Amino acid sequence: MTSRRTAVVLVLGAIVSVQVGAAFAKSLFGRVEPTSLAWLRLVAAAVVLLVVVRPRLTGRSMRDWAVVAAYALALVGMNWAIYQSIARIPLGLAVTIEFLGPLTVAVATSRGWREVLLALLAGTGVALLGLSPTQVDWIGVGYALLAGAGWGGYIVVGPVLGRSWRGVDGLAVATGMGAVALTVPALLASGTAMLDPYVIGLGAAVGLLSSVVPYSLELQALRTLPRRVFSILMSLEPAVAAAAALLLLGEHLHLVDLAAMACVIAASIGITRTTAAQQG
């Protein structure tokens, strides 16, 4: 049995893995387009998951396939949009804005006025970006919001998928579907650059770091760790993204950017704690 302390370490490891993978992905954008790298990430994850999980495909109802297709759509949208975003704005800011997706889902399913105030706090954080001395690319901000919408859909459809598909079968199938859907756009976007062994190798590494490794660690941690604690730890994603970008990409954020990030993180932690108290 995984201890509580070990479970916390596993979740933190998953967060670091995701954001290091995102930083590596951004370092490749000079060689290939974001769409192509999102595809490489999905392909690498799909190959590992489909080989290891070997999901059962026969005997599935139309509803099962509709649910997994909706999950695949959210998964592809989230991955594609966040790569489009970090190609234009700093990684830490992109993840901060993307976090509005799960925050919106939490507020929409809440039952109190505190969540509304916390949502306003998160909105204040995003509004602060308009005061940043950093030149904000609003197209990049838009893509981050789109990624957040995908993340929100991912959260909403996830429980339904879990009831229709055993274990991680649904995730494996959805990842494979996503990889197939992006194949033509990815190849058209980067052409022969996709044949570069360096791009293929690092793209595969991004897939492992951003999908396979973190999901495996989170799955192990959730066997012991309460979901409330898990959600609070996940609220650290924007800060870890900023740290990874600073260390690996040399991306520096201004105090206003850090204040915006702090608002979103505080709102996320507050909503998680309030929701847990309501359910308790």
C-alpha atoms as a PDB file:
ATOM      1  CA  MET A   1       0.000   0.000   0.000  1.00  0.00           C
ATOM      2  CA  THR A   2       1.354   3.401  -0.966  1.00  0.00           C
ATOM      3  CA  SER A   3       1.779   5.671   2.100  1.00  0.00           C
ATOM      4  CA  ARG A   4       0.191   9.113   2.190  1.00  0.00           C
ATOM      5  CA  ARG A   5       3.593  10.812   2.040  1.00  0.00           C
ATOM      6  CA  THR A   6       4.706   8.670  -0.887  1.00  0.00           C
ATOM      7  CA  ALA A   7       1.450   9.424  -2.688  1.00  0.00           C
ATOM      8  CA  VAL A   8       2.082  13.169  -2.339  1.00  0.00           C
ATOM      9  CA  VAL A   9       5.572  12.699  -3.797  1.00  0.00           C
ATOM     10  CA  LEU A  10       4.075  10.745  -6.724  1.00  0.00           C
ATOM     11  CA  VAL A  11       1.604  13.543  -7.519  1.00  0.00           C
ATOM     12  CA  LEU A  12       4.326  16.178  -7.331  1.00  0.00           C
ATOM     13  CA  GLY A  13       6.447  13.985  -9.607  1.00  0.00           C
ATOM     14  CA  ALA A  14       3.569  13.769 -12.071  1.00  0.00           C
ATOM     15  CA  ILE A  15       3.182  17.564 -12.091  1.00  0.00           C
ATOM     16  CA  VAL A  16       6.897  18.093 -12.663  1.00  0.00           C
ATOM     17  CA  SER A  17       6.901  15.473 -15.434  1.00  0.00           C
ATOM     18  CA  VAL A  18       4.025  17.176 -17.288  1.00  0.00           C
ATOM     19  CA  GLN A  19       5.599  20.611 -17.159  1.00  0.00           C
ATOM     20  CA  VAL A  20       9.119  19.446 -18.026  1.00  0.00           C
ATOM     21  CA  GLY A  21       7.552  17.678 -21.000  1.00  0.00           C
ATOM     22  CA  ALA A  22       5.820  20.930 -21.983  1.00  0.00           C
ATOM     23  CA  ALA A  23       9.120  22.832 -21.745  1.00  0.00           C
ATOM     24  CA  PHE A  24      10.840  20.237 -23.957  1.00  0.00           C
ATOM     25  CA  ALA A  25       7.949  20.522 -26.397  1.00  0.00           C
ATOM     26  CA  LYS A  26       8.336  24.285 -26.596  1.00  0.00           C
ATOM     27  CA  SER A  27      12.055  23.889 -27.330  1.00  0.00           C
ATOM     28  CA  LEU A  28      11.100  21.999 -30.507  1.00  0.00           C
ATOM     29  CA  PHE A  29       8.779  24.637 -31.932  1.00  0.00           C
ATOM     30  CA  GLY A  30      11.566  26.064 -34.051  1.00  0.00           C
ATOM     31  CA  ARG A  31      11.825  22.724 -35.862  1.00  0.00           C
ATOM     32  CA  VAL A  32       8.205  21.578 -36.101  1.00  0.00           C
ATOM     33  CA  GLU A  33       4.787  23.156 -35.771  1.00  0.00           C
ATOM     34  CA  PRO A  34       2.809  22.841 -32.499  1.00  0.00           C
ATOM     35  CA  THR A  35       0.190  20.693 -34.244  1.00  0.00           C
ATOM     36  CA  SER A  36       2.857  18.188 -35.262  1.00  0.00           C
ATOM     37  CA  LEU A  37       4.298  18.015 -31.771  1.00  0.00           C
ATOM     38  CA  ALA A  38       0.865  17.527 -30.223  1.00  0.00           C
ATOM     39  CA  TRP A  39       0.449  14.605 -32.624  1.00  0.00           C
ATOM     40  CA  LEU A  40       3.819  13.099 -31.656  1.00  0.00           C
ATOM     41  CA  ARG A  41       2.821  13.350 -27.994  1.00  0.00           C
ATOM     42  CA  LEU A  42      -0.450  11.531 -28.654  1.00  0.00           C
ATOM     43  CA  VAL A  43       1.204   8.875 -30.823  1.00  0.00           C
ATOM     44  CA  ALA A  44       3.839   8.073 -28.205  1.00  0.00           C
ATOM     45  CA  ALA A  45       1.225   7.861 -25.454  1.00  0.00           C
ATOM     46  CA  ALA A  46      -1.166   5.813 -27.611  1.00  0.00           C
ATOM     47  CA  VAL A  47       1.475   3.236 -28.554  1.00  0.00           C
ATOM     48  CA  VAL A  48       2.443   2.645 -24.930  1.00  0.00           C
ATOM     49  CA  LEU A  49      -1.117   2.589 -23.609  1.00  0.00           C
ATOM     50  CA  LEU A  50      -2.557   0.368 -26.331  1.00  0.00           C
ATOM     51  CA  VAL A  51       0.284  -2.147 -26.047  1.00  0.00           C
ATOM     52  CA  VAL A  52       0.213  -2.279 -22.255  1.00  0.00           C
ATOM     53  CA  VAL A  53      -3.547  -2.021 -21.664  1.00  0.00           C
ATOM     54  CA  ARG A  54      -4.853  -3.950 -24.706  1.00  0.00           C
ATOM     55  CA  PRO A  55      -8.396  -2.574 -24.355  1.00  0.00           C
ATOM     56  CA  ARG A  56     -11.387  -4.712 -25.262  1.00  0.00           C
ATOM     57  CA  LEU A  57     -13.009  -3.289 -28.400  1.00  0.00           C
ATOM     58  CA  THR A  58     -15.590  -5.939 -29.249  1.00  0.00           C
ATOM     59  CA  GLY A  59     -19.103  -5.912 -27.850  1.00  0.00           C
ATOM     60  CA  ARG A  60     -19.176  -2.154 -27.374  1.00  0.00           C
ATOM     61  CA  SER A  61     -22.412  -0.199 -27.698  1.00  0.00           C
ATOM     62  CA  MET A  62     -22.870   2.950 -29.769  1.00  0.00           C
ATOM     63  CA  ARG A  63     -23.050   4.882 -26.499  1.00  0.00           C
ATOM     64  CA  ASP A  64     -19.644   3.534 -25.428  1.00  0.00           C
ATOM     65  CA  TRP A  65     -18.097   4.722 -28.679  1.00  0.00           C
ATOM     66  CA  ALA A  66     -19.845   8.100 -28.457  1.00  0.00           C
ATOM     67  CA  VAL A  67     -18.490   8.647 -24.951  1.00  0.00           C
ATOM     68  CA  VAL A  68     -14.928   7.702 -25.878  1.00  0.00           C
ATOM     69  CA  ALA A  69     -15.139   9.907 -28.989  1.00  0.00           C
ATOM     70  CA  ALA A  70     -16.229  12.881 -26.852  1.00  0.00           C
ATOM     71  CA  TYR A  71     -13.349  12.176 -24.471  1.00  0.00           C
ATOM     72  CA  ALA A  72     -10.931  11.973 -27.401  1.00  0.00           C
ATOM     73  CA  LEU A  73     -12.210  15.318 -28.703  1.00  0.00           C
ATOM     74  CA  ALA A  74     -11.586  16.970 -25.328  1.00  0.00           C
ATOM     75  CA  LEU A  75      -8.159  15.326 -25.091  1.00  0.00           C
ATOM     76  CA  VAL A  76      -7.069  16.422 -28.563  1.00  0.00           C
ATOM     77  CA  GLY A  77      -8.458  19.926 -28.117  1.00  0.00           C
ATOM     78  CA  MET A  78      -6.677  20.349 -24.804  1.00  0.00           C
ATOM     79  CA  ASN A  79      -3.304  19.120 -26.091  1.00  0.00           C
ATOM     80  CA  TRP A  80      -3.432  20.915 -29.439  1.00  0.00           C
ATOM     81  CA  ALA A  81      -4.603  24.242 -28.026  1.00  0.00           C
ATOM     82  CA  ILE A  82      -2.084  24.396 -25.164  1.00  0.00           C
ATOM     83  CA  TYR A  83       0.781  23.774 -27.602  1.00  0.00           C
ATOM     84  CA  GLN A  84      -0.541  26.539 -29.843  1.00  0.00           C
ATOM     85  CA  SER A  85      -0.643  28.759 -26.771  1.00  0.00           C
ATOM     86  CA  ILE A  86       2.840  28.072 -25.385  1.00  0.00           C
ATOM     87  CA  ALA A  87       4.247  28.696 -28.857  1.00  0.00           C
ATOM     88  CA  ARG A  88       3.064  32.305 -28.388  1.00  0.00           C
ATOM     89  CA  ILE A  89       3.128  33.129 -24.658  1.00  0.00           C
ATOM     90  CA  PRO A  90       5.224  32.008 -21.662  1.00  0.00           C
ATOM     91  CA  LEU A  91       4.506  28.489 -20.436  1.00  0.00           C
ATOM     92  CA  GLY A  92       3.614  29.593 -16.904  1.00  0.00           C
ATOM     93  CA  LEU A  93       1.032  32.089 -18.133  1.00  0.00           C
ATOM     94  CA  ALA A  94      -0.492  29.599 -20.572  1.00  0.00           C
ATOM     95  CA  VAL A  95      -0.996  26.994 -17.854  1.00  0.00           C
ATOM     96  CA  THR A  96      -2.375  29.648 -15.491  1.00  0.00           C
ATOM     97  CA  ILE A  97      -5.022  30.655 -18.035  1.00  0.00           C
ATOM     98  CA  GLU A  98      -5.727  27.038 -18.953  1.00  0.00           C
ATOM     99  CA  PHE A  99      -6.488  26.359 -15.290  1.00  0.00           C
ATOM    100  CA  LEU A 100      -9.649  28.440 -15.666  1.00  0.00           C
ATOM    101  CA  GLY A 101     -11.201  25.373 -17.336  1.00  0.00           C
ATOM    102  CA  PRO A 102     -11.282  23.100 -14.282  1.00  0.00           C
ATOM    103  CA  LEU A 103     -12.028  26.119 -12.082  1.00  0.00           C
ATOM    104  CA  THR A 104     -15.129  26.863 -14.164  1.00  0.00           C
ATOM    105  CA  VAL A 105     -16.310  23.260 -13.803  1.00  0.00           C
ATOM    106  CA  ALA A 106     -15.786  23.450 -10.030  1.00  0.00           C
ATOM    107  CA  VAL A 107     -17.714  26.708  -9.733  1.00  0.00           C
ATOM    108  CA  ALA A 108     -20.542  25.461 -11.980  1.00  0.00           C
ATOM    109  CA  THR A 109     -21.049  22.423  -9.750  1.00  0.00           C
ATOM    110  CA  SER A 110     -20.750  24.325  -6.469  1.00  0.00           C
ATOM    111  CA  ARG A 111     -23.534  25.334  -4.089  1.00  0.00           C
ATOM    112  CA  GLY A 112     -22.260  28.428  -2.306  1.00  0.00           C
ATOM    113  CA  TRP A 113     -21.344  32.101  -2.636  1.00  0.00           C
ATOM    114  CA  ARG A 114     -17.718  31.491  -1.618  1.00  0.00           C
ATOM    115  CA  GLU A 115     -17.049  29.768  -4.926  1.00  0.00           C
ATOM    116  CA  VAL A 116     -18.347  32.820  -6.776  1.00  0.00           C
ATOM    117  CA  LEU A 117     -15.940  35.067  -4.858  1.00  0.00           C
ATOM    118  CA  LEU A 118     -13.082  32.658  -5.555  1.00  0.00           C
ATOM    119  CA  ALA A 119     -14.002  32.639  -9.238  1.00  0.00           C
ATOM    120  CA  LEU A 120     -13.809  36.442  -9.194  1.00  0.00           C
ATOM    121  CA  LEU A 121     -10.352  36.118  -7.625  1.00  0.00           C
ATOM    122  CA  ALA A 122      -9.258  33.858 -10.487  1.00  0.00           C
ATOM    123  CA  GLY A 123     -10.755  36.307 -12.981  1.00  0.00           C
ATOM    124  CA  THR A 124      -8.856  39.124 -11.313  1.00  0.00           C
ATOM    125  CA  GLY A 125      -5.664  37.145 -11.809  1.00  0.00           C
ATOM    126  CA  VAL A 126      -6.280  36.828 -15.524  1.00  0.00           C
ATOM    127  CA  ALA A 127      -7.226  40.499 -15.752  1.00  0.00           C
ATOM    128  CA  LEU A 128      -3.864  41.388 -14.212  1.00  0.00           C
ATOM    129  CA  LEU A 129      -2.208  39.971 -17.310  1.00  0.00           C
ATOM    130  CA  GLY A 130      -3.443  43.048 -19.133  1.00  0.00           C
ATOM    131  CA  LEU A 131      -1.243  45.156 -16.851  1.00  0.00           C
ATOM    132  CA  SER A 132       1.859  43.055 -17.412  1.00  0.00           C
ATOM    133  CA  PRO A 133       4.883  44.762 -18.984  1.00  0.00           C
ATOM    134  CA  THR A 134       5.306  41.538 -20.951  1.00  0.00           C
ATOM    135  CA  GLN A 135       3.989  41.868 -24.508  1.00  0.00           C
ATOM    136  CA  VAL A 136       0.886  39.669 -24.317  1.00  0.00           C
ATOM    137  CA  ASP A 137      -0.068  37.788 -27.458  1.00  0.00           C
ATOM    138  CA  TRP A 138      -3.849  37.666 -27.198  1.00  0.00           C
ATOM    139  CA  ILE A 139      -4.082  34.880 -29.763  1.00  0.00           C
ATOM    140  CA  GLY A 140      -1.932  32.823 -27.403  1.00  0.00           C
ATOM    141  CA  VAL A 141      -4.272  33.771 -24.552  1.00  0.00           C
ATOM    142  CA  GLY A 142      -7.222  32.654 -26.662  1.00  0.00           C
ATOM    143  CA  TYR A 143      -5.611  29.290 -27.318  1.00  0.00           C
ATOM    144  CA  ALA A 144      -4.962  28.887 -23.578  1.00  0.00           C
ATOM    145  CA  LEU A 145      -8.665  29.553 -22.906  1.00  0.00           C
ATOM    146  CA  LEU A 146      -9.545  26.964 -25.563  1.00  0.00           C
ATOM    147  CA  ALA A 147      -7.214  24.498 -23.853  1.00  0.00           C
ATOM    148  CA  GLY A 148      -8.999  25.262 -20.590  1.00  0.00           C
ATOM    149  CA  ALA A 149     -12.333  24.490 -22.230  1.00  0.00           C
ATOM    150  CA  GLY A 150     -10.892  21.178 -23.407  1.00  0.00           C
ATOM    151  CA  TRP A 151      -9.637  20.455 -19.890  1.00  0.00           C
ATOM    152  CA  GLY A 152     -13.084  21.240 -18.499  1.00  0.00           C
ATOM    153  CA  GLY A 153     -14.685  18.852 -20.991  1.00  0.00           C
ATOM    154  CA  TYR A 154     -12.083  16.234 -20.118  1.00  0.00           C
ATOM    155  CA  ILE A 155     -13.115  16.489 -16.447  1.00  0.00           C
ATOM    156  CA  VAL A 156     -16.837  16.351 -17.183  1.00  0.00           C
ATOM    157  CA  VAL A 157     -16.682  13.387 -19.586  1.00  0.00           C
ATOM    158  CA  GLY A 158     -14.068  11.471 -17.559  1.00  0.00           C
ATOM    159  CA  PRO A 159     -16.458   9.956 -14.973  1.00  0.00           C
ATOM    160  CA  VAL A 160     -18.875   8.908 -17.728  1.00  0.00           C
ATOM    161  CA  LEU A 161     -16.008   7.241 -19.574  1.00  0.00           C
ATOM    162  CA  GLY A 162     -14.985   5.459 -16.375  1.00  0.00           C
ATOM    163  CA  ARG A 163     -18.436   3.913 -16.098  1.00  0.00           C
ATOM    164  CA  SER A 164     -18.468   2.785 -19.735  1.00  0.00           C
ATOM    165  CA  TRP A 165     -14.910   1.481 -20.099  1.00  0.00           C
ATOM    166  CA  ARG A 166     -12.998  -0.681 -17.636  1.00  0.00           C
ATOM    167  CA  GLY A 167      -9.851   0.685 -16.006  1.00  0.00           C
ATOM    168  CA  VAL A 168      -7.794   2.759 -18.437  1.00  0.00           C
ATOM    169  CA  ASP A 169      -9.262   1.113 -21.559  1.00  0.00           C
ATOM    170  CA  GLY A 170     -11.136   4.295 -22.435  1.00  0.00           C
ATOM    171  CA  LEU A 171      -8.055   6.473 -22.059  1.00  0.00           C
ATOM    172  CA  ALA A 172      -6.022   4.165 -24.293  1.00  0.00           C
ATOM    173  CA  VAL A 173      -8.691   4.118 -27.011  1.00  0.00           C
ATOM    174  CA  ALA A 174      -9.297   7.887 -26.815  1.00  0.00           C
ATOM    175  CA  THR A 175      -5.579   8.602 -27.092  1.00  0.00           C
ATOM    176  CA  GLY A 176      -5.370   6.367 -30.142  1.00  0.00           C
ATOM    177  CA  MET A 177      -8.367   8.056 -31.725  1.00  0.00           C
ATOM    178  CA  GLY A 178      -6.829  11.448 -31.064  1.00  0.00           C
ATOM    179  CA  ALA A 179      -3.548  10.438 -32.661  1.00  0.00           C
ATOM    180  CA  VAL A 180      -5.360   9.204 -35.781  1.00  0.00           C
ATOM    181  CA  ALA A 181      -7.440  12.397 -36.006  1.00  0.00           C
ATOM    182  CA  LEU A 182      -4.351  14.643 -35.931  1.00  0.00           C
ATOM    183  CA  THR A 183      -2.243  12.582 -38.345  1.00  0.00           C
ATOM    184  CA  VAL A 184      -3.016  14.447 -41.579  1.00  0.00           C
ATOM    185  CA  PRO A 185      -2.909  17.977 -40.073  1.00  0.00           C
ATOM    186  CA  ALA A 186       0.381  17.155 -38.315  1.00  0.00           C
ATOM    187  CA  LEU A 187       2.082  15.853 -41.447  1.00  0.00           C
ATOM    188  CA  LEU A 188       0.825  18.746 -43.551  1.00  0.00           C
ATOM    189  CA  ALA A 189       1.983  21.293 -40.965  1.00  0.00           C
ATOM    190  CA  SER A 190       5.630  20.181 -40.777  1.00  0.00           C
ATOM    191  CA  GLY A 191       6.255  18.013 -43.831  1.00  0.00           C
ATOM    192  CA  THR A 192       9.701  16.396 -44.030  1.00  0.00           C
ATOM    193  CA  ALA A 193      10.721  17.905 -40.680  1.00  0.00           C
ATOM    194  CA  MET A 194       8.764  15.042 -39.134  1.00  0.00           C
ATOM    195  CA  LEU A 195      11.433  12.640 -40.457  1.00  0.00           C
ATOM    196  CA  ASP A 196      14.172  14.235 -38.318  1.00  0.00           C
ATOM    197  CA  PRO A 197      15.333  11.569 -35.803  1.00  0.00           C
ATOM    198  CA  TYR A 198      15.909  14.285 -33.184  1.00  0.00           C
ATOM    199  CA  VAL A 199      12.340  15.495 -33.529  1.00  0.00           C
ATOM    200  CA  ILE A 200      10.948  11.957 -33.385  1.00  0.00           C
ATOM    201  CA  GLY A 201      13.053  11.059 -30.346  1.00  0.00           C
ATOM    202  CA  LEU A 202      12.286  14.187 -28.363  1.00  0.00           C
ATOM    203  CA  GLY A 203       8.646  14.054 -29.436  1.00  0.00           C
ATOM    204  CA  ALA A 204       8.417  10.525 -28.051  1.00  0.00           C
ATOM    205  CA  ALA A 205      10.053  11.716 -24.831  1.00  0.00           C
ATOM    206  CA  VAL A 206       7.467  14.494 -24.585  1.00  0.00           C
ATOM    207  CA  GLY A 207       4.709  11.905 -24.958  1.00  0.00           C
ATOM    208  CA  LEU A 208       6.146   9.827 -22.127  1.00  0.00           C
ATOM    209  CA  LEU A 209       6.802  12.810 -19.851  1.00  0.00           C
ATOM    210  CA  SER A 210       3.506  14.570 -20.511  1.00  0.00           C
ATOM    211  CA  SER A 211       1.107  11.617 -20.708  1.00  0.00           C
ATOM    212  CA  VAL A 212       2.331   8.126 -19.788  1.00  0.00           C
ATOM    213  CA  VAL A 213       4.517   8.892 -16.751  1.00  0.00           C
ATOM    214  CA  PRO A 214       2.209  11.399 -15.016  1.00  0.00           C
ATOM    215  CA  TYR A 215      -0.918   9.309 -15.553  1.00  0.00           C
ATOM    216  CA  SER A 216       0.795   6.249 -14.119  1.00  0.00           C
ATOM    217  CA  LEU A 217       2.016   8.187 -11.078  1.00  0.00           C
ATOM    218  CA  GLU A 218      -1.371   9.810 -10.483  1.00  0.00           C
ATOM    219  CA  LEU A 219      -3.189   6.480 -10.759  1.00  0.00           C
ATOM    220  CA  GLN A 220      -0.890   4.978  -8.139  1.00  0.00           C
ATOM    221  CA  ALA A 221      -1.224   7.997  -5.835  1.00  0.00           C
ATOM    222  CA  LEU A 222      -5.035   8.097  -6.002  1.00  0.00           C
ATOM    223  CA  ARG A 223      -5.196   4.643  -4.445  1.00  0.00           C
ATOM    224  CA  THR A 224      -4.196   6.252  -1.143  1.00  0.00           C
ATOM    225  CA  LEU A 225      -4.508  10.012  -1.485  1.00  0.00           C
ATOM    226  CA  PRO A 226      -7.924  11.670  -0.909  1.00  0.00           C
ATOM    227  CA  ARG A 227      -9.167  13.482  -4.003  1.00  0.00           C
ATOM    228  CA  ARG A 228      -9.329  16.749  -2.038  1.00  0.00           C
ATOM    229  CA  VAL A 229      -5.595  16.603  -1.332  1.00  0.00           C
ATOM    230  CA  PHE A 230      -4.923  15.517  -4.911  1.00  0.00           C
ATOM    231  CA  SER A 231      -6.841  18.502  -6.288  1.00  0.00           C
ATOM    232  CA  ILE A 232      -5.012  20.945  -4.028  1.00  0.00           C
ATOM    233  CA  LEU A 233      -1.666  19.564  -5.173  1.00  0.00           C
ATOM    234  CA  MET A 234      -2.751  19.854  -8.808  1.00  0.00           C
ATOM    235  CA  SER A 235      -3.360  23.558  -8.152  1.00  0.00           C
ATOM    236  CA  LEU A 236       0.410  23.948  -8.122  1.00  0.00           C
ATOM    237  CA  GLU A 237       0.569  23.267 -11.885  1.00  0.00           C
ATOM    238  CA  PRO A 238       0.952  26.940 -12.939  1.00  0.00           C
ATOM    239  CA  ALA A 239       3.796  27.538 -10.481  1.00  0.00           C
ATOM    240  CA  VAL A 240       5.625  24.383 -11.552  1.00  0.00           C
ATOM    241  CA  ALA A 241       5.115  25.343 -15.207  1.00  0.00           C
ATOM    242  CA  ALA A 242       6.692  28.743 -14.546  1.00  0.00           C
ATOM    243  CA  ALA A 243       9.632  27.130 -12.739  1.00  0.00           C
ATOM    244  CA  ALA A 244      10.209  24.608 -15.538  1.00  0.00           C
ATOM    245  CA  ALA A 245      10.075  27.378 -18.131  1.00  0.00           C
ATOM    246  CA  LEU A 246      12.562  29.460 -16.154  1.00  0.00           C
ATOM    247  CA  LEU A 247      15.044  26.617 -15.672  1.00  0.00           C
ATOM    248  CA  LEU A 248      14.778  24.968 -19.095  1.00  0.00           C
ATOM    249  CA  LEU A 249      13.767  27.827 -21.398  1.00  0.00           C
ATOM    250  CA  GLY A 250      14.992  30.923 -19.595  1.00  0.00           C
ATOM    251  CA  GLU A 251      11.483  32.422 -19.523  1.00  0.00           C
ATOM    252  CA  HIS A 252      11.231  35.153 -16.889  1.00  0.00           C
ATOM    253  CA  LEU A 253       7.932  36.438 -15.532  1.00  0.00           C
ATOM    254  CA  HIS A 254       7.281  39.905 -14.115  1.00  0.00           C
ATOM    255  CA  LEU A 255       5.793  40.529 -10.667  1.00  0.00           C
ATOM    256  CA  VAL A 256       2.378  41.243 -12.196  1.00  0.00           C
ATOM    257  CA  ASP A 257       2.486  37.862 -13.977  1.00  0.00           C
ATOM    258  CA  LEU A 258       3.397  36.125 -10.708  1.00  0.00           C
ATOM    259  CA  ALA A 259       0.566  37.960  -8.926  1.00  0.00           C
ATOM    260  CA  ALA A 260      -1.877  36.749 -11.601  1.00  0.00           C
ATOM    261  CA  MET A 261      -0.625  33.211 -11.133  1.00  0.00           C
ATOM    262  CA  ALA A 262      -0.965  33.488  -7.331  1.00  0.00           C
ATOM    263  CA  CYS A 263      -4.607  34.586  -7.694  1.00  0.00           C
ATOM    264  CA  VAL A 264      -5.494  31.572  -9.831  1.00  0.00           C
ATOM    265  CA  ILE A 265      -3.650  29.123  -7.562  1.00  0.00           C
ATOM    266  CA  ALA A 266      -5.301  30.593  -4.438  1.00  0.00           C
ATOM    267  CA  ALA A 267      -8.732  30.411  -6.090  1.00  0.00           C
ATOM    268  CA  SER A 268      -8.158  26.791  -7.099  1.00  0.00           C
ATOM    269  CA  ILE A 269      -7.090  25.744  -3.603  1.00  0.00           C
ATOM    270  CA  GLY A 270      -9.982  27.669  -2.051  1.00  0.00           C
ATOM    271  CA  ILE A 271     -12.595  26.118  -4.318  1.00  0.00           C
ATOM    272  CA  THR A 272     -11.179  22.636  -3.706  1.00  0.00           C
ATOM    273  CA  ARG A 273     -11.334  23.069   0.068  1.00  0.00           C
ATOM    274  CA  THR A 274     -14.822  24.576   0.003  1.00  0.00           C
ATOM    275  CA  THR A 275     -16.197  21.849  -2.259  1.00  0.00           C
ATOM    276  CA  ALA A 276     -14.672  19.152  -0.020  1.00  0.00           C
ATOM    277  CA  ALA A 277     -16.291  20.759   3.044  1.00  0.00           C
ATOM    278  CA  GLN A 278     -19.689  20.795   1.316  1.00  0.00           C
ATOM    279  CA  GLN A 279     -19.394  17.146   0.350  1.00  0.00           C
ATOM    280  CA  GLY A 280     -18.185  16.190   3.822  1.00  0.00           C
END
